[in-house]
Amino acid sequence: MSVEVQAVQAVRAFVESAFGADSSASIGSFTYLPIIEGSVNVTLTRDELDPSELVQHIDDGRKRVLGKRAAAVSFQLNLSPTGTAAANGITSITSGLGMILKAIMGGEQLGEGSIAAAASTAIVINVSTGDGAQWALAGQIMGWTNASGVVEWREVESRSTDAITLKRGFSGIPATSNPLYNAATYYMTASPATSLAFLIEGLESDDRWLLTGGQGVGGVTIAVDLTGGAIPKVTVNMTFARWYASNETGSSITGTLSAATYAAYSPIVGEAGNFEVWTVGAPTFSTTQSIHVSTLAFEPHIAFVAYTSPSGVNTVKRWIKSRNTDSPVSGQFVVPYETTAWFAARNSRSDLAATYVAGVAAGSAVVLSSPTIQVLNPQRAADASGLAAQVVMWKGRRDTDVGASTSDIAKSPFRIHLG
């Protein structure tokens, strides 16, 4: 036994096959998470209940009765692309971040790319024969490299065989054989059923903890620095139904702390990108849709409550997604004060869509999308440089531009694409 620096540690995650079970026998299948040093906070609790029986001396006390266990973990991950450009014949992949997003948001769609076929337009893209199925679902995304060498990303509205209709057109028309990229898409579902196990590892064998039956009860938050002064980050707040110490697991979790391998992980600063807002159902591209914001925020509202049962794991049968009665996603941005357009958008209650792209290359981009938003409470203010600006707030709801589709990915009020 020795005293070690707390920052020397590793965290691994695993998708459980049985809620809250001891998964120590599957340690080799756990995925290392590239968690930011210093951001991990682990709280291990066990109820310590007072039996409250009478005492016969004024100075006496009672031995506590131990009850159920629980654990809470908060941490930060870089909002990182996977590093894999899902071009023709290449399927996008799941990263450690993707595993967490799928568990908490509920849905994942891994897409494969293709190439453009003849007779495409900026809005309806013809892909190679038989490849239309790779964008079969409204809410998926397509990337195309424009004349400036920047990959533009557009979400899919519908598909007819090998013709893909986009919610909003590209700035140009993809030429025959131009690469078309897909991405790993994460979307909100009504009832996420996945639970996670975490292995928290310190340097010493007695500082190892297996946490099981985990879900993002406290939700996720996203931080984006448009100045390029920081890497985009996701903060995750998870609760676990049970924990095991290193001497309680069925299989050993002790030994030398192994070197972590962070797969599908290619972080970017994201100072180069684009924030665009346009009218829902108006697919024609315009340069005026690019909004020159100094700050912005996307705030998905995701939380869970316990479905309890005496036969559950420490009374938790599973975690159930709870409803946010305000909105499933909200946000804001700061834009120069040049016109009263945002006040007009609030007054008209216009249905708008907002997309932020960090990065300019396939395999090195992150796309945040709120496909139907309502502008609220625009206010005059000064920006960080003291220039005349306005703070524009918005709230989102389920996607209204999906044709006849009713699937979760199509209707999701918030989507994250890792390109």
Protein backbone atom coordinates (compact mmCIF):
# COMPACT_ATOMS: atom_id res chain seq x y z
CA MET A 1 0.00 0.00 0.00
CA SER A 2 1.25 3.48 -0.88
CA VAL A 3 -0.19 6.95 -1.22
CA GLU A 4 -0.63 7.92 -4.88
CA VAL A 5 -1.64 10.96 -6.86
CA GLN A 6 -5.40 10.92 -7.46
CA ALA A 7 -5.07 11.99 -11.11
CA VAL A 8 -3.43 8.68 -12.05
CA GLN A 9 -6.54 6.74 -12.98
CA ALA A 10 -8.61 5.21 -15.73
CA VAL A 11 -12.34 4.86 -16.38
CA ARG A 12 -13.90 2.17 -18.53
CA ALA A 13 -17.54 1.68 -19.56
CA PHE A 14 -19.62 -1.31 -20.62
CA VAL A 15 -23.15 -1.74 -21.98
CA GLU A 16 -24.87 -4.08 -19.55
CA SER A 17 -26.70 -7.20 -20.71
CA ALA A 18 -28.48 -7.41 -17.34
CA PHE A 19 -29.30 -4.31 -15.32
CA GLY A 20 -26.99 -3.83 -12.35
CA ALA A 21 -25.27 -7.22 -12.66
CA ASP A 22 -21.65 -7.85 -11.67
CA SER A 23 -19.96 -7.52 -15.06
CA SER A 24 -16.39 -7.98 -13.80
CA ALA A 25 -16.03 -11.15 -15.90
CA SER A 26 -16.38 -8.96 -19.01
CA ILE A 27 -13.67 -6.43 -18.15
CA GLY A 28 -11.91 -7.20 -21.43
CA SER A 29 -14.96 -5.85 -23.27
CA PHE A 30 -15.07 -2.53 -21.42
CA THR A 31 -14.25 0.64 -23.39
CA TYR A 32 -11.77 3.20 -22.07
CA LEU A 33 -13.29 6.68 -21.86
CA PRO A 34 -11.02 9.67 -22.67
CA ILE A 35 -12.26 11.59 -19.64
CA ILE A 36 -10.63 14.94 -18.96
CA GLU A 37 -8.15 14.82 -16.11
CA GLY A 38 -9.45 16.37 -12.90
CA SER A 39 -13.09 16.25 -14.00
CA VAL A 40 -14.03 12.88 -12.48
CA ASN A 41 -16.01 13.08 -9.26
CA VAL A 42 -17.11 9.78 -7.73
CA THR A 43 -19.43 9.49 -4.74
CA LEU A 44 -20.06 6.04 -3.24
CA THR A 45 -22.93 5.91 -0.75
CA ARG A 46 -24.57 3.32 1.45
CA ASP A 47 -27.58 4.06 3.60
CA GLU A 48 -26.68 4.07 7.30
CA LEU A 49 -30.01 3.90 9.12
CA ASP A 50 -30.69 4.55 12.78
CA PRO A 51 -32.84 1.69 14.21
CA SER A 52 -34.09 4.20 16.82
CA GLU A 53 -34.61 1.75 19.69
CA LEU A 54 -34.75 3.09 23.26
CA VAL A 55 -31.51 3.69 25.13
CA GLN A 56 -30.98 3.39 28.83
CA HIS A 57 -28.33 6.03 29.34
CA ILE A 58 -28.24 9.67 28.35
CA ASP A 59 -24.86 9.23 26.73
CA ASP A 60 -25.62 6.02 24.82
CA GLY A 61 -26.05 5.69 21.08
CA ARG A 62 -27.18 3.06 18.60
CA LYS A 63 -25.39 0.92 16.04
CA ARG A 64 -26.49 1.88 12.55
CA VAL A 65 -28.03 -0.61 10.14
CA LEU A 66 -26.54 -0.65 6.66
CA GLY A 67 -28.92 -0.36 3.73
CA LYS A 68 -28.85 0.04 0.00
CA ARG A 69 -25.91 1.25 -2.05
CA ALA A 70 -25.72 3.85 -4.80
CA ALA A 71 -23.07 5.81 -6.65
CA ALA A 72 -22.87 9.06 -8.57
CA VAL A 73 -20.23 10.01 -11.11
CA SER A 74 -19.79 13.30 -12.95
CA PHE A 75 -17.13 13.80 -15.60
CA GLN A 76 -16.24 15.69 -18.76
CA LEU A 77 -15.45 14.39 -22.23
CA ASN A 78 -14.22 16.33 -25.22
CA LEU A 79 -17.01 16.63 -27.79
CA SER A 80 -14.83 14.79 -30.23
CA PRO A 81 -15.23 13.43 -33.76
CA THR A 82 -14.28 9.82 -34.33
CA GLY A 83 -11.52 10.50 -36.86
CA THR A 84 -13.21 8.19 -39.37
CA ALA A 85 -14.56 9.84 -42.50
CA ALA A 86 -17.58 7.72 -43.48
CA ALA A 87 -17.00 7.94 -47.24
CA ASN A 88 -18.02 5.46 -49.94
CA GLY A 89 -17.79 1.94 -48.53
CA ILE A 90 -16.86 3.16 -45.02
CA THR A 91 -19.30 3.02 -42.10
CA SER A 92 -19.08 5.48 -39.24
CA ILE A 93 -18.11 3.99 -35.88
CA THR A 94 -19.03 4.19 -32.21
CA SER A 95 -16.63 6.03 -29.93
CA GLY A 96 -16.54 6.11 -26.14
CA LEU A 97 -18.44 9.38 -26.32
CA GLY A 98 -20.90 7.75 -28.70
CA MET A 99 -21.51 4.91 -26.23
CA ILE A 100 -22.43 7.44 -23.55
CA LEU A 101 -24.62 9.50 -25.90
CA LYS A 102 -26.49 6.43 -27.13
CA ALA A 103 -27.20 5.27 -23.58
CA ILE A 104 -28.49 8.65 -22.40
CA MET A 105 -30.17 10.00 -25.55
CA GLY A 106 -31.48 6.59 -26.55
CA GLY A 107 -30.64 6.24 -30.24
CA GLU A 108 -27.65 5.72 -32.52
CA GLN A 109 -27.49 5.40 -36.30
CA LEU A 110 -24.17 4.51 -37.90
CA GLY A 111 -24.12 5.56 -41.56
CA GLU A 112 -22.03 4.63 -44.58
CA GLY A 113 -21.04 7.08 -47.30
CA SER A 114 -21.40 6.97 -51.08
CA ILE A 115 -20.72 9.10 -54.16
CA ALA A 116 -22.97 11.49 -56.05
CA ALA A 117 -24.71 10.28 -59.18
CA ALA A 118 -25.80 12.27 -62.22
CA ALA A 119 -28.73 14.71 -62.25
CA SER A 120 -28.45 15.76 -58.62
CA THR A 121 -29.61 19.16 -57.47
CA ALA A 122 -28.50 21.12 -54.42
CA ILE A 123 -31.53 19.76 -52.51
CA VAL A 124 -32.16 16.30 -54.01
CA ILE A 125 -28.97 14.28 -54.14
CA ASN A 126 -28.79 11.17 -56.30
CA VAL A 127 -26.38 8.59 -54.88
CA SER A 128 -24.85 5.47 -56.41
CA THR A 129 -27.31 2.76 -57.32
CA GLY A 130 -28.32 0.81 -54.23
CA ASP A 131 -26.76 3.28 -51.78
CA GLY A 132 -29.95 5.19 -50.99
CA ALA A 133 -30.60 2.89 -48.04
CA GLN A 134 -27.57 4.38 -46.34
CA TRP A 135 -29.64 7.55 -45.81
CA ALA A 136 -32.95 5.78 -45.38
CA LEU A 137 -33.94 7.61 -42.22
CA ALA A 138 -35.01 11.23 -41.93
CA GLY A 139 -32.72 12.90 -39.43
CA GLN A 140 -29.53 11.30 -40.73
CA ILE A 141 -26.93 13.61 -42.20
CA MET A 142 -24.99 13.98 -45.45
CA GLY A 143 -21.70 15.78 -45.98
CA TRP A 144 -20.36 17.25 -49.22
CA THR A 145 -17.15 19.19 -49.87
CA ASN A 146 -17.94 22.59 -51.37
CA ALA A 147 -15.87 24.68 -53.78
CA SER A 148 -13.88 26.13 -50.88
CA GLY A 149 -12.82 22.70 -49.65
CA VAL A 150 -15.13 22.83 -46.61
CA VAL A 151 -17.48 19.94 -45.86
CA GLU A 152 -21.07 21.14 -45.57
CA TRP A 153 -23.46 18.99 -43.53
CA ARG A 154 -27.20 18.74 -44.22
CA GLU A 155 -29.80 16.61 -42.48
CA VAL A 156 -32.06 14.30 -44.49
CA GLU A 157 -35.77 15.01 -44.90
CA SER A 158 -36.73 11.94 -46.94
CA ARG A 159 -35.50 9.27 -49.32
CA SER A 160 -36.94 7.77 -52.50
CA THR A 161 -34.83 4.79 -53.65
CA ASP A 162 -31.46 6.43 -54.41
CA ALA A 163 -32.64 10.06 -54.30
CA ILE A 164 -32.04 11.78 -50.97
CA THR A 165 -33.99 14.96 -50.24
CA LEU A 166 -32.26 17.27 -47.80
CA LYS A 167 -33.93 19.57 -45.30
CA ARG A 168 -31.80 22.37 -46.70
CA GLY A 169 -29.77 22.39 -49.87
CA PHE A 170 -26.01 22.54 -50.28
CA SER A 171 -24.40 25.75 -51.50
CA GLY A 172 -23.73 24.04 -54.83
CA ILE A 173 -24.64 20.93 -56.79
CA PRO A 174 -22.56 17.81 -56.10
CA ALA A 175 -20.94 16.68 -59.33
CA THR A 176 -21.02 13.07 -60.44
CA SER A 177 -18.61 10.96 -58.35
CA ASN A 178 -18.19 13.65 -55.66
CA PRO A 179 -17.71 11.94 -52.25
CA LEU A 180 -20.75 12.04 -49.97
CA TYR A 181 -20.13 11.47 -46.28
CA ASN A 182 -22.27 9.97 -43.55
CA ALA A 183 -21.82 10.17 -39.78
CA ALA A 184 -22.63 8.60 -36.42
CA THR A 185 -25.94 10.16 -35.41
CA TYR A 186 -27.28 10.31 -31.85
CA TYR A 187 -30.89 11.18 -31.19
CA MET A 188 -33.48 11.32 -28.42
CA THR A 189 -35.92 8.47 -27.87
CA ALA A 190 -38.90 8.21 -25.55
CA SER A 191 -37.60 5.33 -23.46
CA PRO A 192 -33.83 4.69 -23.49
CA ALA A 193 -33.33 1.16 -22.20
CA THR A 194 -29.53 0.88 -22.08
CA SER A 195 -27.72 0.81 -18.75
CA LEU A 196 -23.98 1.13 -18.24
CA ALA A 197 -21.36 -0.26 -15.93
CA PHE A 198 -18.26 1.77 -15.09
CA LEU A 199 -14.92 0.53 -13.82
CA ILE A 200 -13.19 3.30 -11.87
CA GLU A 201 -9.49 2.49 -11.49
CA GLY A 202 -6.88 4.14 -9.32
CA LEU A 203 -3.24 3.16 -9.35
CA GLU A 204 -3.52 0.75 -6.43
CA SER A 205 -5.60 -2.43 -6.51
CA ASP A 206 -7.61 -1.37 -3.47
CA ASP A 207 -8.70 1.79 -5.34
CA ARG A 208 -10.84 -0.05 -7.91
CA TRP A 209 -14.62 0.21 -8.02
CA LEU A 210 -17.19 -1.43 -10.27
CA LEU A 211 -20.34 0.66 -10.61
CA THR A 212 -23.39 -0.98 -12.18
CA GLY A 213 -26.91 -0.10 -13.30
CA GLY A 214 -25.86 3.35 -14.51
CA GLN A 215 -27.80 6.02 -16.39
CA GLY A 216 -27.52 9.77 -16.98
CA VAL A 217 -29.97 10.74 -14.24
CA GLY A 218 -28.46 14.24 -14.03
CA GLY A 219 -28.35 14.67 -17.81
CA VAL A 220 -25.68 16.18 -20.02
CA THR A 221 -24.51 19.72 -20.70
CA ILE A 222 -22.54 21.00 -23.67
CA ALA A 223 -19.94 23.78 -23.62
CA VAL A 224 -18.73 25.38 -26.85
CA ASP A 225 -16.03 28.09 -26.99
CA LEU A 226 -16.30 29.92 -30.31
CA THR A 227 -13.06 31.82 -29.62
CA GLY A 228 -11.07 28.63 -30.01
CA GLY A 229 -9.77 28.99 -26.47
CA ALA A 230 -11.06 25.58 -25.39
CA ILE A 231 -12.06 22.26 -26.89
CA PRO A 232 -15.86 21.68 -26.98
CA LYS A 233 -16.88 19.58 -23.99
CA VAL A 234 -19.73 17.44 -22.71
CA THR A 235 -20.39 17.14 -18.98
CA VAL A 236 -22.16 13.95 -17.94
CA ASN A 237 -23.89 13.29 -14.61
CA MET A 238 -24.61 9.61 -13.97
CA THR A 239 -26.18 7.64 -11.14
CA PHE A 240 -25.56 3.94 -10.52
CA ALA A 241 -27.82 1.50 -8.71
CA ARG A 242 -24.96 -0.39 -7.07
CA TRP A 243 -21.22 -0.47 -6.54
CA TYR A 244 -18.67 -3.17 -5.75
CA ALA A 245 -15.28 -2.73 -4.09
CA SER A 246 -12.33 -4.56 -5.59
CA ASN A 247 -12.65 -7.40 -3.04
CA GLU A 248 -16.36 -7.90 -3.80
CA THR A 249 -16.44 -8.60 -7.53
CA GLY A 250 -16.85 -12.09 -8.92
CA SER A 251 -13.79 -11.70 -11.16
CA SER A 252 -10.61 -9.80 -10.37
CA ILE A 253 -10.40 -6.10 -11.20
CA THR A 254 -7.03 -5.70 -9.48
CA GLY A 255 -3.45 -5.75 -10.75
CA THR A 256 -1.27 -3.30 -12.60
CA LEU A 257 -3.07 -0.26 -14.00
CA SER A 258 -3.04 -0.84 -17.74
CA ALA A 259 -2.34 1.86 -20.31
CA ALA A 260 -5.63 3.15 -21.73
CA THR A 261 -6.38 3.00 -25.45
CA TYR A 262 -8.82 5.67 -26.60
CA ALA A 263 -10.37 4.37 -29.80
CA ALA A 264 -12.34 6.45 -32.32
CA TYR A 265 -11.14 9.63 -30.65
CA SER A 266 -9.90 12.64 -32.64
CA PRO A 267 -10.58 15.88 -30.71
CA ILE A 268 -10.73 19.23 -32.46
CA VAL A 269 -10.76 22.80 -31.21
CA GLY A 270 -13.60 23.67 -33.55
CA GLU A 271 -12.80 27.36 -33.94
CA ALA A 272 -13.54 26.92 -37.67
CA GLY A 273 -17.16 26.09 -38.31
CA ASN A 274 -20.56 27.60 -38.95
CA PHE A 275 -23.81 28.40 -37.14
CA GLU A 276 -26.88 28.55 -39.36
CA VAL A 277 -30.54 29.37 -38.76
CA TRP A 278 -33.25 29.10 -41.42
CA THR A 279 -37.00 28.77 -41.81
CA VAL A 280 -38.29 25.23 -41.42
CA GLY A 281 -39.52 23.87 -44.75
CA ALA A 282 -37.59 26.40 -46.85
CA PRO A 283 -34.80 24.23 -48.31
CA THR A 284 -33.07 26.71 -50.63
CA PHE A 285 -29.58 27.63 -49.43
CA SER A 286 -28.75 31.26 -48.74
CA THR A 287 -25.61 32.82 -47.32
CA THR A 288 -27.86 34.90 -45.02
CA GLN A 289 -28.61 31.71 -43.10
CA SER A 290 -25.09 31.83 -41.68
CA ILE A 291 -25.38 33.71 -38.37
CA HIS A 292 -22.24 35.40 -37.06
CA VAL A 293 -22.54 34.68 -33.36
CA SER A 294 -19.96 35.38 -30.67
CA THR A 295 -21.35 32.79 -28.23
CA LEU A 296 -23.93 30.05 -28.43
CA ALA A 297 -25.40 27.26 -26.32
CA PHE A 298 -27.35 24.07 -26.95
CA GLU A 299 -28.97 22.67 -23.81
CA PRO A 300 -30.63 19.25 -24.14
CA HIS A 301 -32.97 18.51 -21.23
CA ILE A 302 -32.61 14.83 -20.42
CA ALA A 303 -33.23 13.29 -17.01
CA PHE A 304 -34.29 9.97 -15.51
CA VAL A 305 -36.13 8.71 -12.44
CA ALA A 306 -35.99 5.33 -10.76
CA TYR A 307 -38.64 2.68 -11.43
CA THR A 308 -38.48 0.98 -8.05
CA SER A 309 -39.25 -2.56 -6.99
CA PRO A 310 -38.30 -4.80 -4.05
CA SER A 311 -36.79 -7.15 -6.64
CA GLY A 312 -34.72 -4.37 -8.23
CA VAL A 313 -31.03 -3.66 -7.71
CA ASN A 314 -31.02 -1.71 -4.45
CA THR A 315 -34.72 -1.10 -5.20
CA VAL A 316 -34.03 0.17 -8.76
CA LYS A 317 -35.66 -1.99 -11.41
CA ARG A 318 -34.51 0.34 -14.19
CA TRP A 319 -34.22 4.04 -14.99
CA ILE A 320 -37.14 5.73 -16.76
CA LYS A 321 -36.79 8.92 -18.78
CA SER A 322 -38.70 11.80 -17.20
CA ARG A 323 -40.52 14.58 -19.01
CA ASN A 324 -39.28 18.15 -19.02
CA THR A 325 -42.48 20.20 -19.12
CA ASP A 326 -40.69 23.29 -20.40
CA SER A 327 -38.92 21.99 -23.52
CA PRO A 328 -36.75 19.03 -24.59
CA VAL A 329 -33.96 21.39 -25.69
CA SER A 330 -33.21 25.07 -25.42
CA GLY A 331 -30.38 27.43 -26.18
CA GLN A 332 -29.26 30.91 -26.93
CA PHE A 333 -26.81 32.89 -29.03
CA VAL A 334 -25.31 36.37 -29.07
CA VAL A 335 -25.39 38.14 -32.42
CA PRO A 336 -24.52 41.72 -33.47
CA TYR A 337 -27.42 44.14 -33.24
CA GLU A 338 -27.98 45.15 -36.86
CA THR A 339 -31.74 44.75 -37.41
CA THR A 340 -34.90 43.90 -35.49
CA ALA A 341 -35.21 40.59 -37.35
CA TRP A 342 -34.96 38.48 -34.20
CA PHE A 343 -37.65 40.54 -32.49
CA ALA A 344 -39.82 39.97 -35.57
CA ALA A 345 -39.12 36.23 -35.45
CA ARG A 346 -40.27 36.17 -31.83
CA ASN A 347 -43.42 38.15 -32.66
CA SER A 348 -44.34 35.93 -35.62
CA ARG A 349 -43.65 32.71 -33.68
CA SER A 350 -41.78 31.43 -36.73
CA ASP A 351 -40.64 27.81 -36.92
CA LEU A 352 -36.88 27.97 -37.39
CA ALA A 353 -34.08 25.39 -37.42
CA ALA A 354 -30.58 25.79 -35.99
CA THR A 355 -27.39 23.86 -36.73
CA TYR A 356 -23.88 24.38 -35.43
CA VAL A 357 -20.95 22.70 -37.16
CA ALA A 358 -17.55 22.57 -35.48
CA GLY A 359 -14.81 21.57 -37.91
CA VAL A 360 -14.48 21.71 -41.68
CA ALA A 361 -13.41 18.20 -42.71
CA ALA A 362 -15.05 14.78 -42.84
CA GLY A 363 -14.02 12.65 -39.87
CA SER A 364 -13.16 15.86 -38.01
CA ALA A 365 -16.51 17.53 -37.46
CA VAL A 366 -19.27 17.67 -34.86
CA VAL A 367 -22.77 18.82 -35.77
CA LEU A 368 -25.36 19.97 -33.21
CA SER A 369 -28.89 20.23 -34.59
CA SER A 370 -32.18 21.52 -33.21
CA PRO A 371 -34.48 21.11 -36.22
CA THR A 372 -37.49 23.07 -34.94
CA ILE A 373 -37.03 26.03 -32.62
CA GLN A 374 -38.97 29.10 -31.54
CA VAL A 375 -37.13 32.36 -30.84
CA LEU A 376 -37.97 33.83 -27.44
CA ASN A 377 -36.94 36.84 -25.41
CA PRO A 378 -34.45 38.67 -27.67
CA GLN A 379 -32.71 41.34 -25.63
CA ARG A 380 -30.34 44.17 -26.43
CA ALA A 381 -26.95 43.74 -24.79
CA ALA A 382 -23.24 44.27 -25.27
CA ASP A 383 -21.12 41.34 -26.38
CA ALA A 384 -17.82 40.34 -24.79
CA SER A 385 -16.01 42.99 -26.84
CA GLY A 386 -18.42 45.74 -25.88
CA LEU A 387 -20.08 45.85 -29.31
CA ALA A 388 -23.79 46.40 -29.76
CA ALA A 389 -25.37 42.97 -29.70
CA GLN A 390 -28.48 41.04 -28.78
CA VAL A 391 -28.98 37.86 -26.80
CA VAL A 392 -31.46 35.58 -28.53
CA MET A 393 -32.97 32.69 -26.59
CA TRP A 394 -34.86 29.78 -28.09
CA LYS A 395 -36.70 26.61 -27.16
CA GLY A 396 -36.99 23.54 -29.33
CA ARG A 397 -39.55 20.81 -29.93
CA ARG A 398 -39.86 17.70 -32.09
CA ASP A 399 -38.77 17.97 -35.72
CA THR A 400 -41.63 19.18 -37.93
CA ASP A 401 -39.83 18.78 -41.28
CA VAL A 402 -39.78 15.02 -41.78
CA GLY A 403 -42.41 14.26 -44.41
CA ALA A 404 -44.44 11.22 -43.37
CA SER A 405 -41.81 9.77 -41.05
CA THR A 406 -42.66 9.25 -37.38
CA SER A 407 -39.48 7.49 -36.23
CA ASP A 408 -37.55 8.67 -33.19
CA ILE A 409 -34.53 9.72 -35.25
CA ALA A 410 -36.73 11.71 -37.63
CA LYS A 411 -38.71 13.47 -34.91
CA SER A 412 -35.90 13.99 -32.42
CA PRO A 413 -35.80 17.58 -31.12
CA PHE A 414 -32.01 17.44 -30.80
CA ARG A 415 -29.39 15.44 -32.65
CA ILE A 416 -25.63 15.14 -32.43
CA HIS A 417 -23.70 13.95 -35.47
CA LEU A 418 -20.07 12.88 -35.10
CA GLY A 419 -18.68 13.21 -38.62
